[in-house]
Amino acid sequence: MMEECIRNTYEVLTMKQSIEDILDSEPKSIFYGNPFDITDEDINEMIEFFENTEEYEKCNELLELLKAKESADFDMFIDNLASENGITMY
């Protein structure tokens, strides 16, 4: 169950799937943290999970997200994520 949560959140954060796509494909879909208000701790825990499963490409993508989160690029990322999922921030 935890693996599915982490993978679903990873898919949304990397914009590989929208929240709607995930909810449509799996009736009991849940996420690890709130993709629209993800914390550094959540991302670090996801990185640790993918390190343990030796999925280093995913670790790298999440590390890039952490770097972007520290800059103004993260505001643009959240705006794009919300637009992709049909949610306005205003």
Protein backbone atom coordinates (compact mmCIF):
# COMPACT_ATOMS: atom_id res chain seq x y z
CA MET A 1 0.00 0.00 0.00
CA MET A 2 2.81 2.44 0.89
CA GLU A 3 4.58 1.63 -2.37
CA GLU A 4 1.47 2.53 -4.37
CA CYS A 5 1.13 5.83 -2.48
CA ILE A 6 4.74 6.78 -3.17
CA ARG A 7 4.55 5.77 -6.83
CA ASN A 8 1.30 7.70 -7.34
CA THR A 9 2.78 10.84 -5.80
CA TYR A 10 5.97 10.44 -7.83
CA GLU A 11 3.91 10.20 -11.04
CA VAL A 12 2.07 13.43 -10.20
CA LEU A 13 5.15 15.36 -9.04
CA THR A 14 7.05 14.45 -12.21
CA MET A 15 3.97 15.23 -14.33
CA LYS A 16 3.94 11.78 -15.86
CA GLN A 17 0.27 11.45 -14.88
CA SER A 18 -2.36 13.80 -13.55
CA ILE A 19 -4.19 13.19 -10.31
CA GLU A 20 -7.33 12.58 -12.34
CA ASP A 21 -5.57 9.90 -14.43
CA ILE A 22 -4.48 8.08 -11.29
CA LEU A 23 -7.88 8.34 -9.64
CA ASP A 24 -9.58 7.08 -12.81
CA SER A 25 -7.24 4.10 -13.16
CA GLU A 26 -7.33 2.92 -9.57
CA PRO A 27 -10.55 3.29 -7.57
CA LYS A 28 -8.80 3.36 -4.19
CA SER A 29 -5.84 5.52 -5.15
CA ILE A 30 -4.12 7.49 -2.44
CA PHE A 31 -1.05 9.67 -2.35
CA TYR A 32 2.00 10.06 -0.16
CA GLY A 33 1.60 13.53 1.26
CA ASN A 34 -0.26 16.26 -0.54
CA PRO A 35 1.17 16.69 -4.05
CA PHE A 36 0.11 20.36 -3.98
CA ASP A 37 1.86 21.02 -0.66
CA ILE A 38 4.68 18.48 -0.64
CA THR A 39 7.30 18.88 2.07
CA ASP A 40 11.04 18.36 1.80
CA GLU A 41 10.66 15.54 4.32
CA ASP A 42 8.08 13.79 2.10
CA ILE A 43 10.36 14.08 -0.93
CA ASN A 44 13.37 12.81 1.04
CA GLU A 45 11.37 9.80 2.22
CA MET A 46 10.34 9.11 -1.37
CA ILE A 47 13.99 9.32 -2.45
CA GLU A 48 14.93 6.85 0.29
CA PHE A 49 12.22 4.45 -0.95
CA PHE A 50 13.52 4.63 -4.53
CA GLU A 51 17.12 4.18 -3.33
CA ASN A 52 16.05 0.96 -1.61
CA THR A 53 14.38 -0.27 -4.82
CA GLU A 54 17.44 0.85 -6.83
CA GLU A 55 15.41 3.20 -9.03
CA TYR A 56 18.07 5.87 -9.19
CA GLU A 57 16.57 7.77 -12.12
CA LYS A 58 13.55 8.50 -9.96
CA CYS A 59 15.82 9.59 -7.10
CA ASN A 60 17.53 12.03 -9.45
CA GLU A 61 14.21 13.49 -10.61
CA LEU A 62 13.12 14.00 -7.02
CA LEU A 63 16.48 15.56 -6.12
CA GLU A 64 16.00 18.02 -9.00
CA LEU A 65 12.55 18.80 -7.61
CA LEU A 66 14.10 19.56 -4.21
CA LYS A 67 16.55 21.94 -5.87
CA ALA A 68 13.73 23.66 -7.76
CA LYS A 69 11.72 23.88 -4.56
CA GLU A 70 14.46 26.05 -3.08
CA SER A 71 14.15 28.56 -5.89
CA ALA A 72 11.40 30.57 -7.57
CA ASP A 73 11.08 27.75 -10.11
CA PHE A 74 9.05 25.82 -7.56
CA ASP A 75 6.24 28.40 -7.66
CA MET A 76 6.06 27.88 -11.41
CA PHE A 77 6.15 24.11 -10.91
CA ILE A 78 3.21 24.21 -8.46
CA ASP A 79 1.27 26.48 -10.79
CA ASN A 80 1.89 24.07 -13.70
CA LEU A 81 0.96 21.08 -11.53
CA ALA A 82 -2.27 22.75 -10.48
CA SER A 83 -3.08 23.73 -14.08
CA GLU A 84 -2.39 20.19 -15.27
CA ASN A 85 -4.84 18.88 -12.68
CA GLY A 86 -7.52 21.51 -13.20
CA ILE A 87 -6.99 23.41 -9.95
CA THR A 88 -6.45 27.14 -9.80
CA MET A 89 -4.34 28.67 -7.11
CA TYR A 90 -6.24 31.98 -7.05
